[in-house]
Amino acid sequence: MLQFLRRLVARYTGTVHRPAPRKRARRAPLNVEALGDRLLPSATPLRLAVMGDSLSASYAGQPYGAAGDLSWVQQLQNLDGKRIVLHDEAFAGATSNSLLHSEGGHAAQVPAVVDLIHHHQIDAAVLLIGANDIDQDLPLLATDPAKFVSTFVTTVVTNIETAASAVTAAGHVRLVIGNVPDVTVTPGFLSAVPAAAVPVVEQAIQLADQQIDAFAVAHHIPVVDMYGLTHILNTPVTMGGVQVTNLYAPDFFHPNTVGQGILADTVLDAFHEGYDLNVRRLRLSDQQILAEAHIAHKPGRTFFDVDPFVLANEDRHEYGFHFRDHDRDR
């Protein structure tokens, strides 16, 4: 994506008003440990299908994995197989079109997941996609910014809604979707595009995310706030008594192991909040994430608070599907 971005926007000169984010009220921290085993007995593994792009695919062999970083799926795969079984359909470079159609030599992701549902091989599914749709539509940005925005929003929203509807119609499966990450705050993106292009891309992401959130509300599907999670990559976080100052992989675009570990727990929290699903044995503790990242830490078992990055039935009315301000102390 970034190589294409560097070639792209030399001709772009327009500007677009940048909507101001709206604040979300913070709820009390979630006590997952107190949750009863209502939907998933502790002896039963969570059987999870994953649809998405490089955020959910393996980092192995990729430039952003050169420092040994692991995706959230890889980190959960390192758990005991008695606790989780993963079917990862995500691949690097995937756009939302890949959900419904073959792309880049890969089979369409949704039909593969629907087949798993029909054969009773999964209990839950995750859909995190959209960043590469920006790359796909960028040629329009240099000549027609308004068309770039409308094309991106229409394509990504339609594909996600169609994919979610197909998965939920296939059988009893608990689905979590993510909105589109705010790639415009990543150093890799900012170094690749002219400053004037940034507000246009951000406006497109925000408009798409408003519609994705609204669709999820209407269909009672919990949302992982990828937009908000992208923003915490730019600020130090404290986990297990350790302040982590860098949450980026070597390309300064993808999250590193720590950032991805936080995403893993956010996905699990979405299943808890949306479906009251017991996920306490699956969560990655701060100490597990730090160990995977080869960061020294003291013994213990603490958990980074991911609750602000989940949009579920109980709190959707609080902020009317607007973007949340996550620049607060944690």
C-alpha atoms as a PDB file:
ATOM      1  CA  MET A   1       0.000   0.000   0.000  1.00  0.00           C
ATOM      2  CA  LEU A   2       2.643   2.533   1.000  1.00  0.00           C
ATOM      3  CA  GLN A   3       4.632   2.208  -2.239  1.00  0.00           C
ATOM      4  CA  PHE A   4       1.511   3.043  -4.180  1.00  0.00           C
ATOM      5  CA  LEU A   5       0.740   5.934  -1.855  1.00  0.00           C
ATOM      6  CA  ARG A   6       4.153   7.461  -2.488  1.00  0.00           C
ATOM      7  CA  ARG A   7       3.466   7.519  -6.225  1.00  0.00           C
ATOM      8  CA  LEU A   8      -0.015   8.866  -5.871  1.00  0.00           C
ATOM      9  CA  VAL A   9      -0.916  12.306  -4.797  1.00  0.00           C
ATOM     10  CA  ALA A  10       1.619  14.714  -6.323  1.00  0.00           C
ATOM     11  CA  ARG A  11      -1.217  16.319  -8.260  1.00  0.00           C
ATOM     12  CA  TYR A  12      -3.630  16.672  -5.362  1.00  0.00           C
ATOM     13  CA  THR A  13      -4.262  20.209  -4.063  1.00  0.00           C
ATOM     14  CA  GLY A  14      -7.795  20.281  -2.571  1.00  0.00           C
ATOM     15  CA  THR A  15      -8.873  20.305   1.063  1.00  0.00           C
ATOM     16  CA  VAL A  16     -11.914  19.004   2.901  1.00  0.00           C
ATOM     17  CA  HIS A  17     -13.379  19.987   6.262  1.00  0.00           C
ATOM     18  CA  ARG A  18     -12.211  17.537   8.937  1.00  0.00           C
ATOM     19  CA  PRO A  19     -15.067  16.562  11.287  1.00  0.00           C
ATOM     20  CA  ALA A  20     -14.278  16.948  14.968  1.00  0.00           C
ATOM     21  CA  PRO A  21     -14.509  13.732  16.996  1.00  0.00           C
ATOM     22  CA  ARG A  22     -17.215  13.509  19.637  1.00  0.00           C
ATOM     23  CA  LYS A  23     -16.522  12.217  23.110  1.00  0.00           C
ATOM     24  CA  ARG A  24     -17.944   9.006  24.456  1.00  0.00           C
ATOM     25  CA  ALA A  25     -18.859   8.545  28.095  1.00  0.00           C
ATOM     26  CA  ARG A  26     -16.583   6.055  29.771  1.00  0.00           C
ATOM     27  CA  ARG A  27     -18.250   3.072  31.404  1.00  0.00           C
ATOM     28  CA  ALA A  28     -17.024   1.246  34.465  1.00  0.00           C
ATOM     29  CA  PRO A  29     -14.224  -1.268  33.723  1.00  0.00           C
ATOM     30  CA  LEU A  30     -15.487  -4.687  32.762  1.00  0.00           C
ATOM     31  CA  ASN A  31     -14.874  -7.478  35.264  1.00  0.00           C
ATOM     32  CA  VAL A  32     -14.642 -10.442  32.925  1.00  0.00           C
ATOM     33  CA  GLU A  33     -13.428 -12.739  35.681  1.00  0.00           C
ATOM     34  CA  ALA A  34     -16.866 -12.598  37.303  1.00  0.00           C
ATOM     35  CA  LEU A  35     -18.629 -13.779  34.152  1.00  0.00           C
ATOM     36  CA  GLY A  36     -20.399 -17.124  34.348  1.00  0.00           C
ATOM     37  CA  ASP A  37     -19.826 -19.873  31.784  1.00  0.00           C
ATOM     38  CA  ARG A  38     -23.164 -19.273  30.126  1.00  0.00           C
ATOM     39  CA  LEU A  39     -22.574 -19.848  26.432  1.00  0.00           C
ATOM     40  CA  LEU A  40     -19.223 -21.539  26.179  1.00  0.00           C
ATOM     41  CA  PRO A  41     -18.346 -24.173  28.802  1.00  0.00           C
ATOM     42  CA  SER A  42     -14.786 -23.862  30.052  1.00  0.00           C
ATOM     43  CA  ALA A  43     -13.839 -27.242  28.631  1.00  0.00           C
ATOM     44  CA  THR A  44     -15.079 -26.307  25.142  1.00  0.00           C
ATOM     45  CA  PRO A  45     -12.708 -24.505  22.754  1.00  0.00           C
ATOM     46  CA  LEU A  46     -13.874 -21.367  21.006  1.00  0.00           C
ATOM     47  CA  ARG A  47     -13.985 -22.193  17.305  1.00  0.00           C
ATOM     48  CA  LEU A  48     -13.341 -18.895  15.550  1.00  0.00           C
ATOM     49  CA  ALA A  49     -13.194 -17.917  11.861  1.00  0.00           C
ATOM     50  CA  VAL A  50     -11.342 -14.733  10.911  1.00  0.00           C
ATOM     51  CA  MET A  51     -11.933 -12.596   7.815  1.00  0.00           C
ATOM     52  CA  GLY A  52      -9.710  -9.650   7.013  1.00  0.00           C
ATOM     53  CA  ASP A  53      -6.414  -8.316   5.731  1.00  0.00           C
ATOM     54  CA  SER A  54      -2.803  -8.077   6.962  1.00  0.00           C
ATOM     55  CA  LEU A  55      -3.937  -7.003  10.434  1.00  0.00           C
ATOM     56  CA  SER A  56      -5.374 -10.499  10.921  1.00  0.00           C
ATOM     57  CA  ALA A  57      -3.072 -12.563   8.698  1.00  0.00           C
ATOM     58  CA  SER A  58       0.264 -13.977   9.792  1.00  0.00           C
ATOM     59  CA  TYR A  59       3.150 -11.501   9.949  1.00  0.00           C
ATOM     60  CA  ALA A  60       5.623 -14.247   9.026  1.00  0.00           C
ATOM     61  CA  GLY A  61       7.596 -13.433   5.892  1.00  0.00           C
ATOM     62  CA  GLN A  62       6.213  -9.900   5.661  1.00  0.00           C
ATOM     63  CA  PRO A  63       8.375  -6.721   5.902  1.00  0.00           C
ATOM     64  CA  TYR A  64       6.338  -5.534   8.890  1.00  0.00           C
ATOM     65  CA  GLY A  65       7.096  -8.856  10.562  1.00  0.00           C
ATOM     66  CA  ALA A  66      10.851  -8.473  10.143  1.00  0.00           C
ATOM     67  CA  ALA A  67      11.377  -7.750  13.850  1.00  0.00           C
ATOM     68  CA  GLY A  68       9.512 -10.885  14.865  1.00  0.00           C
ATOM     69  CA  ASP A  69       6.195  -9.201  15.631  1.00  0.00           C
ATOM     70  CA  LEU A  70       3.016 -11.289  15.758  1.00  0.00           C
ATOM     71  CA  SER A  71      -0.527 -10.540  14.668  1.00  0.00           C
ATOM     72  CA  TRP A  72      -3.422 -10.882  17.100  1.00  0.00           C
ATOM     73  CA  VAL A  73      -4.411 -14.163  15.432  1.00  0.00           C
ATOM     74  CA  GLN A  74      -0.903 -15.561  15.820  1.00  0.00           C
ATOM     75  CA  GLN A  75      -0.886 -14.638  19.493  1.00  0.00           C
ATOM     76  CA  LEU A  76      -4.194 -16.383  20.110  1.00  0.00           C
ATOM     77  CA  GLN A  77      -2.958 -19.370  18.091  1.00  0.00           C
ATOM     78  CA  ASN A  78      -0.148 -19.702  20.629  1.00  0.00           C
ATOM     79  CA  LEU A  79      -2.743 -20.589  23.257  1.00  0.00           C
ATOM     80  CA  ASP A  80      -3.497 -24.198  24.073  1.00  0.00           C
ATOM     81  CA  GLY A  81      -5.610 -25.704  21.269  1.00  0.00           C
ATOM     82  CA  LYS A  82      -8.073 -26.895  23.899  1.00  0.00           C
ATOM     83  CA  ARG A  83      -9.052 -23.267  24.431  1.00  0.00           C
ATOM     84  CA  ILE A  84      -9.319 -21.896  20.889  1.00  0.00           C
ATOM     85  CA  VAL A  85      -9.413 -23.256  17.340  1.00  0.00           C
ATOM     86  CA  LEU A  86      -8.812 -20.666  14.618  1.00  0.00           C
ATOM     87  CA  HIS A  87      -9.689 -20.696  10.917  1.00  0.00           C
ATOM     88  CA  ASP A  88      -7.876 -17.684   9.483  1.00  0.00           C
ATOM     89  CA  GLU A  89      -9.120 -16.642   6.017  1.00  0.00           C
ATOM     90  CA  ALA A  90      -7.426 -13.222   6.156  1.00  0.00           C
ATOM     91  CA  PHE A  91      -4.550 -12.392   3.837  1.00  0.00           C
ATOM     92  CA  ALA A  92      -2.210  -9.447   3.294  1.00  0.00           C
ATOM     93  CA  GLY A  93      -3.484  -6.928   0.764  1.00  0.00           C
ATOM     94  CA  ALA A  94      -7.107  -8.014   1.009  1.00  0.00           C
ATOM     95  CA  THR A  95      -9.778  -5.403   0.291  1.00  0.00           C
ATOM     96  CA  SER A  96     -13.435  -5.623   1.223  1.00  0.00           C
ATOM     97  CA  ASN A  97     -14.028  -7.079  -2.255  1.00  0.00           C
ATOM     98  CA  SER A  98     -12.112 -10.169  -1.130  1.00  0.00           C
ATOM     99  CA  LEU A  99     -14.922 -10.942   1.275  1.00  0.00           C
ATOM    100  CA  LEU A 100     -17.237 -11.785  -1.610  1.00  0.00           C
ATOM    101  CA  HIS A 101     -14.976 -12.425  -4.605  1.00  0.00           C
ATOM    102  CA  SER A 102     -11.634 -14.128  -5.209  1.00  0.00           C
ATOM    103  CA  GLU A 103      -8.762 -11.658  -5.089  1.00  0.00           C
ATOM    104  CA  GLY A 104      -4.996 -11.889  -5.403  1.00  0.00           C
ATOM    105  CA  GLY A 105      -5.094 -15.648  -5.896  1.00  0.00           C
ATOM    106  CA  HIS A 106      -7.134 -16.133  -2.722  1.00  0.00           C
ATOM    107  CA  ALA A 107     -10.644 -17.562  -2.614  1.00  0.00           C
ATOM    108  CA  ALA A 108     -13.473 -15.337  -1.431  1.00  0.00           C
ATOM    109  CA  GLN A 109     -13.477 -15.236   2.358  1.00  0.00           C
ATOM    110  CA  VAL A 110     -17.203 -15.198   3.124  1.00  0.00           C
ATOM    111  CA  PRO A 111     -18.082 -18.368   1.177  1.00  0.00           C
ATOM    112  CA  ALA A 112     -15.274 -20.162   3.006  1.00  0.00           C
ATOM    113  CA  VAL A 113     -16.683 -19.076   6.374  1.00  0.00           C
ATOM    114  CA  VAL A 114     -20.254 -19.901   5.338  1.00  0.00           C
ATOM    115  CA  ASP A 115     -19.058 -23.398   4.469  1.00  0.00           C
ATOM    116  CA  LEU A 116     -17.515 -23.733   7.937  1.00  0.00           C
ATOM    117  CA  ILE A 117     -20.820 -22.688   9.457  1.00  0.00           C
ATOM    118  CA  HIS A 118     -22.790 -25.176   7.358  1.00  0.00           C
ATOM    119  CA  HIS A 119     -20.449 -27.946   8.512  1.00  0.00           C
ATOM    120  CA  HIS A 120     -20.774 -26.859  12.169  1.00  0.00           C
ATOM    121  CA  GLN A 121     -17.046 -26.187  12.454  1.00  0.00           C
ATOM    122  CA  ILE A 122     -17.165 -22.716  14.009  1.00  0.00           C
ATOM    123  CA  ASP A 123     -19.107 -20.944  16.760  1.00  0.00           C
ATOM    124  CA  ALA A 124     -17.967 -17.385  16.088  1.00  0.00           C
ATOM    125  CA  ALA A 125     -16.537 -15.156  13.362  1.00  0.00           C
ATOM    126  CA  VAL A 126     -14.631 -11.873  13.157  1.00  0.00           C
ATOM    127  CA  LEU A 127     -14.559  -9.440  10.226  1.00  0.00           C
ATOM    128  CA  LEU A 128     -11.852  -6.719  10.228  1.00  0.00           C
ATOM    129  CA  ILE A 129     -11.317  -5.104   6.828  1.00  0.00           C
ATOM    130  CA  GLY A 130     -11.203  -1.783   4.995  1.00  0.00           C
ATOM    131  CA  ALA A 131      -7.743  -0.196   5.129  1.00  0.00           C
ATOM    132  CA  ASN A 132      -6.705  -1.550   1.726  1.00  0.00           C
ATOM    133  CA  ASP A 133      -9.858  -0.187   0.111  1.00  0.00           C
ATOM    134  CA  ILE A 134      -8.230   3.212   0.551  1.00  0.00           C
ATOM    135  CA  ASP A 135      -5.333   2.046  -1.617  1.00  0.00           C
ATOM    136  CA  GLN A 136      -7.754   0.626  -4.169  1.00  0.00           C
ATOM    137  CA  ASP A 137      -9.604   3.934  -4.600  1.00  0.00           C
ATOM    138  CA  LEU A 138      -6.676   6.352  -4.275  1.00  0.00           C
ATOM    139  CA  PRO A 139      -6.318   7.033  -8.029  1.00  0.00           C
ATOM    140  CA  LEU A 140      -9.559   9.000  -7.744  1.00  0.00           C
ATOM    141  CA  LEU A 141      -8.131  11.256  -5.054  1.00  0.00           C
ATOM    142  CA  ALA A 142      -5.832  13.174  -7.381  1.00  0.00           C
ATOM    143  CA  THR A 143      -8.602  14.043  -9.841  1.00  0.00           C
ATOM    144  CA  ASP A 144     -11.896  13.949  -7.933  1.00  0.00           C
ATOM    145  CA  PRO A 145     -11.716  13.958  -4.117  1.00  0.00           C
ATOM    146  CA  ALA A 146     -15.500  13.868  -3.725  1.00  0.00           C
ATOM    147  CA  LYS A 147     -15.736  10.781  -5.928  1.00  0.00           C
ATOM    148  CA  PHE A 148     -12.922   9.152  -3.958  1.00  0.00           C
ATOM    149  CA  VAL A 149     -14.891   9.645  -0.736  1.00  0.00           C
ATOM    150  CA  SER A 150     -18.196   8.408  -2.143  1.00  0.00           C
ATOM    151  CA  THR A 151     -16.634   5.411  -3.908  1.00  0.00           C
ATOM    152  CA  PHE A 152     -14.694   4.298  -0.847  1.00  0.00           C
ATOM    153  CA  VAL A 153     -17.660   4.675   1.508  1.00  0.00           C
ATOM    154  CA  THR A 154     -20.108   2.911  -0.799  1.00  0.00           C
ATOM    155  CA  THR A 155     -17.757   0.027  -1.576  1.00  0.00           C
ATOM    156  CA  VAL A 156     -16.496  -0.780   1.911  1.00  0.00           C
ATOM    157  CA  VAL A 157     -19.855  -0.332   3.630  1.00  0.00           C
ATOM    158  CA  THR A 158     -21.778  -2.355   1.052  1.00  0.00           C
ATOM    159  CA  ASN A 159     -19.245  -5.188   1.124  1.00  0.00           C
ATOM    160  CA  ILE A 160     -19.141  -5.349   4.921  1.00  0.00           C
ATOM    161  CA  GLU A 161     -22.926  -5.264   5.222  1.00  0.00           C
ATOM    162  CA  THR A 162     -23.319  -7.955   2.550  1.00  0.00           C
ATOM    163  CA  ALA A 163     -20.654 -10.129   4.175  1.00  0.00           C
ATOM    164  CA  ALA A 164     -22.131  -9.767   7.655  1.00  0.00           C
ATOM    165  CA  SER A 165     -25.623 -10.593   6.402  1.00  0.00           C
ATOM    166  CA  ALA A 166     -24.394 -13.697   4.573  1.00  0.00           C
ATOM    167  CA  VAL A 167     -22.484 -14.985   7.596  1.00  0.00           C
ATOM    168  CA  THR A 168     -25.325 -14.470  10.065  1.00  0.00           C
ATOM    169  CA  ALA A 169     -27.869 -15.992   7.662  1.00  0.00           C
ATOM    170  CA  ALA A 170     -25.757 -19.139   7.253  1.00  0.00           C
ATOM    171  CA  GLY A 171     -26.472 -20.448  10.738  1.00  0.00           C
ATOM    172  CA  HIS A 172     -26.039 -19.855  14.445  1.00  0.00           C
ATOM    173  CA  VAL A 173     -22.776 -17.958  14.700  1.00  0.00           C
ATOM    174  CA  ARG A 174     -21.693 -15.042  16.872  1.00  0.00           C
ATOM    175  CA  LEU A 175     -20.264 -12.310  14.630  1.00  0.00           C
ATOM    176  CA  VAL A 176     -18.020  -9.383  15.565  1.00  0.00           C
ATOM    177  CA  ILE A 177     -17.119  -6.730  13.006  1.00  0.00           C
ATOM    178  CA  GLY A 178     -14.591  -3.921  13.074  1.00  0.00           C
ATOM    179  CA  ASN A 179     -14.920  -0.451  11.669  1.00  0.00           C
ATOM    180  CA  VAL A 180     -12.139   0.949   9.464  1.00  0.00           C
ATOM    181  CA  PRO A 181      -8.864   1.891  11.197  1.00  0.00           C
ATOM    182  CA  ASP A 182      -7.751   5.506  10.954  1.00  0.00           C
ATOM    183  CA  VAL A 183      -4.655   4.947   8.835  1.00  0.00           C
ATOM    184  CA  THR A 184      -4.181   8.717   8.549  1.00  0.00           C
ATOM    185  CA  VAL A 185      -2.605   8.901  12.022  1.00  0.00           C
ATOM    186  CA  THR A 186       0.093   6.313  11.313  1.00  0.00           C
ATOM    187  CA  PRO A 187       3.617   7.603  10.587  1.00  0.00           C
ATOM    188  CA  GLY A 188       3.873   5.280   7.584  1.00  0.00           C
ATOM    189  CA  PHE A 189       0.839   6.829   5.933  1.00  0.00           C
ATOM    190  CA  LEU A 190       1.773  10.401   6.822  1.00  0.00           C
ATOM    191  CA  SER A 191       5.230   9.971   5.319  1.00  0.00           C
ATOM    192  CA  ALA A 192       3.748   8.699   2.065  1.00  0.00           C
ATOM    193  CA  VAL A 193       1.067  11.251   1.183  1.00  0.00           C
ATOM    194  CA  PRO A 194       0.871  15.057   0.943  1.00  0.00           C
ATOM    195  CA  ALA A 195      -0.645  16.716   3.982  1.00  0.00           C
ATOM    196  CA  ALA A 196      -3.561  18.055   1.919  1.00  0.00           C
ATOM    197  CA  ALA A 197      -4.709  14.523   1.145  1.00  0.00           C
ATOM    198  CA  VAL A 198      -4.963  13.431   4.771  1.00  0.00           C
ATOM    199  CA  PRO A 199      -8.272  15.135   5.715  1.00  0.00           C
ATOM    200  CA  VAL A 200      -9.966  13.737   2.607  1.00  0.00           C
ATOM    201  CA  VAL A 201      -8.983  10.183   3.489  1.00  0.00           C
ATOM    202  CA  GLU A 202      -9.939  10.685   7.117  1.00  0.00           C
ATOM    203  CA  GLN A 203     -13.333  12.068   6.130  1.00  0.00           C
ATOM    204  CA  ALA A 204     -13.942   8.983   3.975  1.00  0.00           C
ATOM    205  CA  ILE A 205     -13.001   6.670   6.861  1.00  0.00           C
ATOM    206  CA  GLN A 206     -15.222   8.520   9.314  1.00  0.00           C
ATOM    207  CA  LEU A 207     -18.237   8.488   6.986  1.00  0.00           C
ATOM    208  CA  ALA A 208     -17.783   4.769   6.342  1.00  0.00           C
ATOM    209  CA  ASP A 209     -17.422   4.035  10.058  1.00  0.00           C
ATOM    210  CA  GLN A 210     -20.580   5.937  10.913  1.00  0.00           C
ATOM    211  CA  GLN A 211     -22.508   3.700   8.515  1.00  0.00           C
ATOM    212  CA  ILE A 212     -20.788   0.510   9.717  1.00  0.00           C
ATOM    213  CA  ASP A 213     -21.620   1.371  13.336  1.00  0.00           C
ATOM    214  CA  ALA A 214     -25.229   2.145  12.420  1.00  0.00           C
ATOM    215  CA  PHE A 215     -25.580  -1.161  10.555  1.00  0.00           C
ATOM    216  CA  ALA A 216     -24.160  -3.017  13.536  1.00  0.00           C
ATOM    217  CA  VAL A 217     -26.598  -1.287  15.875  1.00  0.00           C
ATOM    218  CA  ALA A 218     -29.554  -2.273  13.725  1.00  0.00           C
ATOM    219  CA  HIS A 219     -28.436  -5.905  13.601  1.00  0.00           C
ATOM    220  CA  HIS A 220     -27.189  -6.246  17.207  1.00  0.00           C
ATOM    221  CA  ILE A 221     -23.617  -6.973  16.137  1.00  0.00           C
ATOM    222  CA  PRO A 222     -20.793  -5.826  18.459  1.00  0.00           C
ATOM    223  CA  VAL A 223     -18.111  -3.639  16.910  1.00  0.00           C
ATOM    224  CA  VAL A 224     -14.371  -3.472  17.530  1.00  0.00           C
ATOM    225  CA  ASP A 225     -13.482   0.215  17.341  1.00  0.00           C
ATOM    226  CA  MET A 226     -10.496  -0.041  15.023  1.00  0.00           C
ATOM    227  CA  TYR A 227     -10.632   3.720  14.520  1.00  0.00           C
ATOM    228  CA  GLY A 228     -10.019   4.342  18.216  1.00  0.00           C
ATOM    229  CA  LEU A 229      -7.459   1.562  18.546  1.00  0.00           C
ATOM    230  CA  THR A 230      -5.356   3.126  15.780  1.00  0.00           C
ATOM    231  CA  HIS A 231      -5.071   6.312  17.814  1.00  0.00           C
ATOM    232  CA  ILE A 232      -3.575   4.635  20.880  1.00  0.00           C
ATOM    233  CA  LEU A 233      -0.650   3.464  18.726  1.00  0.00           C
ATOM    234  CA  ASN A 234       0.707   7.013  18.900  1.00  0.00           C
ATOM    235  CA  THR A 235       0.778   7.296  22.700  1.00  0.00           C
ATOM    236  CA  PRO A 236       2.712   5.331  25.325  1.00  0.00           C
ATOM    237  CA  VAL A 237       0.679   2.683  27.123  1.00  0.00           C
ATOM    238  CA  THR A 238       1.340   1.086  30.495  1.00  0.00           C
ATOM    239  CA  MET A 239       0.908  -2.673  30.728  1.00  0.00           C
ATOM    240  CA  GLY A 240       1.964  -4.882  33.590  1.00  0.00           C
ATOM    241  CA  GLY A 241       3.798  -1.982  35.187  1.00  0.00           C
ATOM    242  CA  VAL A 242       5.832  -1.365  32.010  1.00  0.00           C
ATOM    243  CA  GLN A 243       5.494   1.740  29.874  1.00  0.00           C
ATOM    244  CA  VAL A 244       5.592   0.758  26.194  1.00  0.00           C
ATOM    245  CA  THR A 245       6.511   3.725  24.015  1.00  0.00           C
ATOM    246  CA  ASN A 246       6.422   2.080  20.572  1.00  0.00           C
ATOM    247  CA  LEU A 247       3.392   0.156  19.329  1.00  0.00           C
ATOM    248  CA  TYR A 248       4.390   0.039  15.646  1.00  0.00           C
ATOM    249  CA  ALA A 249       5.995  -2.688  13.567  1.00  0.00           C
ATOM    250  CA  PRO A 250       9.058  -1.721  11.454  1.00  0.00           C
ATOM    251  CA  ASP A 251       6.935  -0.163   8.682  1.00  0.00           C
ATOM    252  CA  PHE A 252       5.336   2.258  11.183  1.00  0.00           C
ATOM    253  CA  PHE A 253       1.975   1.357   9.675  1.00  0.00           C
ATOM    254  CA  HIS A 254       1.060  -2.015  11.190  1.00  0.00           C
ATOM    255  CA  PRO A 255       0.800  -2.512  14.962  1.00  0.00           C
ATOM    256  CA  ASN A 256       3.594  -4.465  16.606  1.00  0.00           C
ATOM    257  CA  THR A 257       3.093  -7.408  18.970  1.00  0.00           C
ATOM    258  CA  VAL A 258       1.941  -5.163  21.819  1.00  0.00           C
ATOM    259  CA  GLY A 259      -0.567  -3.301  19.663  1.00  0.00           C
ATOM    260  CA  GLN A 260      -1.803  -6.565  18.218  1.00  0.00           C
ATOM    261  CA  GLY A 261      -2.087  -8.139  21.654  1.00  0.00           C
ATOM    262  CA  ILE A 262      -4.377  -5.294  22.683  1.00  0.00           C
ATOM    263  CA  LEU A 263      -6.434  -5.955  19.551  1.00  0.00           C
ATOM    264  CA  ALA A 264      -6.715  -9.653  20.458  1.00  0.00           C
ATOM    265  CA  ASP A 265      -8.225  -8.810  23.826  1.00  0.00           C
ATOM    266  CA  THR A 266     -10.526  -6.214  22.259  1.00  0.00           C
ATOM    267  CA  VAL A 267     -11.929  -8.826  19.877  1.00  0.00           C
ATOM    268  CA  LEU A 268     -12.534 -11.171  22.800  1.00  0.00           C
ATOM    269  CA  ASP A 269     -14.128  -8.382  24.823  1.00  0.00           C
ATOM    270  CA  ALA A 270     -16.520  -7.723  21.922  1.00  0.00           C
ATOM    271  CA  PHE A 271     -17.732 -11.326  22.168  1.00  0.00           C
ATOM    272  CA  HIS A 272     -18.256 -10.859  25.890  1.00  0.00           C
ATOM    273  CA  GLU A 273     -20.116  -7.567  25.606  1.00  0.00           C
ATOM    274  CA  GLY A 274     -22.128  -8.528  22.556  1.00  0.00           C
ATOM    275  CA  TYR A 275     -23.026 -12.119  23.436  1.00  0.00           C
ATOM    276  CA  ASP A 276     -22.212 -12.541  27.134  1.00  0.00           C
ATOM    277  CA  LEU A 277     -19.640 -15.098  26.037  1.00  0.00           C
ATOM    278  CA  ASN A 278     -17.157 -16.392  28.576  1.00  0.00           C
ATOM    279  CA  VAL A 279     -13.708 -15.469  27.294  1.00  0.00           C
ATOM    280  CA  ARG A 280     -11.737 -15.203  30.531  1.00  0.00           C
ATOM    281  CA  ARG A 281      -9.520 -18.198  29.779  1.00  0.00           C
ATOM    282  CA  LEU A 282      -8.657 -16.801  26.333  1.00  0.00           C
ATOM    283  CA  ARG A 283      -7.600 -13.284  27.260  1.00  0.00           C
ATOM    284  CA  LEU A 284      -3.951 -12.374  26.875  1.00  0.00           C
ATOM    285  CA  SER A 285      -2.598 -10.899  30.080  1.00  0.00           C
ATOM    286  CA  ASP A 286      -0.287  -7.914  29.935  1.00  0.00           C
ATOM    287  CA  GLN A 287       2.511 -10.243  30.949  1.00  0.00           C
ATOM    288  CA  GLN A 288       1.776 -12.678  28.103  1.00  0.00           C
ATOM    289  CA  ILE A 289       1.786  -9.863  25.551  1.00  0.00           C
ATOM    290  CA  LEU A 290       5.013  -8.400  26.933  1.00  0.00           C
ATOM    291  CA  ALA A 291       6.637 -11.833  26.872  1.00  0.00           C
ATOM    292  CA  GLU A 292       5.608 -12.328  23.220  1.00  0.00           C
ATOM    293  CA  ALA A 293       7.149  -8.907  22.489  1.00  0.00           C
ATOM    294  CA  HIS A 294      10.348  -9.835  24.388  1.00  0.00           C
ATOM    295  CA  ILE A 295       9.886  -6.918  26.791  1.00  0.00           C
ATOM    296  CA  ALA A 296      11.142  -7.442  30.348  1.00  0.00           C
ATOM    297  CA  HIS A 297       8.438  -7.290  33.022  1.00  0.00           C
ATOM    298  CA  LYS A 298       7.647  -8.357  36.555  1.00  0.00           C
ATOM    299  CA  PRO A 299       5.530 -11.448  37.293  1.00  0.00           C
ATOM    300  CA  GLY A 300       1.812 -11.032  37.651  1.00  0.00           C
ATOM    301  CA  ARG A 301      -1.472 -11.229  35.782  1.00  0.00           C
ATOM    302  CA  THR A 302      -2.986  -7.881  34.799  1.00  0.00           C
ATOM    303  CA  PHE A 303      -5.101  -6.806  31.860  1.00  0.00           C
ATOM    304  CA  PHE A 304      -5.051  -3.628  29.766  1.00  0.00           C
ATOM    305  CA  ASP A 305      -8.508  -2.002  29.746  1.00  0.00           C
ATOM    306  CA  VAL A 306      -9.895  -2.580  26.238  1.00  0.00           C
ATOM    307  CA  ASP A 307     -13.512  -1.882  27.144  1.00  0.00           C
ATOM    308  CA  PRO A 308     -13.527   1.655  25.646  1.00  0.00           C
ATOM    309  CA  PHE A 309     -12.857   0.146  22.218  1.00  0.00           C
ATOM    310  CA  VAL A 310     -15.938  -2.054  22.036  1.00  0.00           C
ATOM    311  CA  LEU A 311     -19.316  -0.858  20.829  1.00  0.00           C
ATOM    312  CA  ALA A 312     -22.034  -3.225  22.010  1.00  0.00           C
ATOM    313  CA  ASN A 313     -25.781  -3.226  22.612  1.00  0.00           C
ATOM    314  CA  GLU A 314     -25.633  -1.795  26.127  1.00  0.00           C
ATOM    315  CA  ASP A 315     -23.855   1.431  25.222  1.00  0.00           C
ATOM    316  CA  ARG A 316     -24.680   2.214  21.612  1.00  0.00           C
ATOM    317  CA  HIS A 317     -27.213   4.873  22.588  1.00  0.00           C
ATOM    318  CA  GLU A 318     -24.602   6.829  24.541  1.00  0.00           C
ATOM    319  CA  TYR A 319     -22.971   8.595  21.626  1.00  0.00           C
ATOM    320  CA  GLY A 320     -25.180   8.183  18.595  1.00  0.00           C
ATOM    321  CA  PHE A 321     -22.646   6.339  16.449  1.00  0.00           C
ATOM    322  CA  HIS A 322     -20.134   9.208  16.410  1.00  0.00           C
ATOM    323  CA  PHE A 323     -16.404   8.781  16.830  1.00  0.00           C
ATOM    324  CA  ARG A 324     -14.977   8.536  20.301  1.00  0.00           C
ATOM    325  CA  ASP A 325     -12.142  10.523  21.800  1.00  0.00           C
ATOM    326  CA  HIS A 326      -9.634   8.006  23.168  1.00  0.00           C
ATOM    327  CA  ASP A 327      -6.971  10.525  24.090  1.00  0.00           C
ATOM    328  CA  ARG A 328      -7.448  10.055  27.794  1.00  0.00           C
ATOM    329  CA  ASP A 329      -5.411   8.592  30.610  1.00  0.00           C
ATOM    330  CA  ARG A 330      -5.447   4.828  30.856  1.00  0.00           C
END
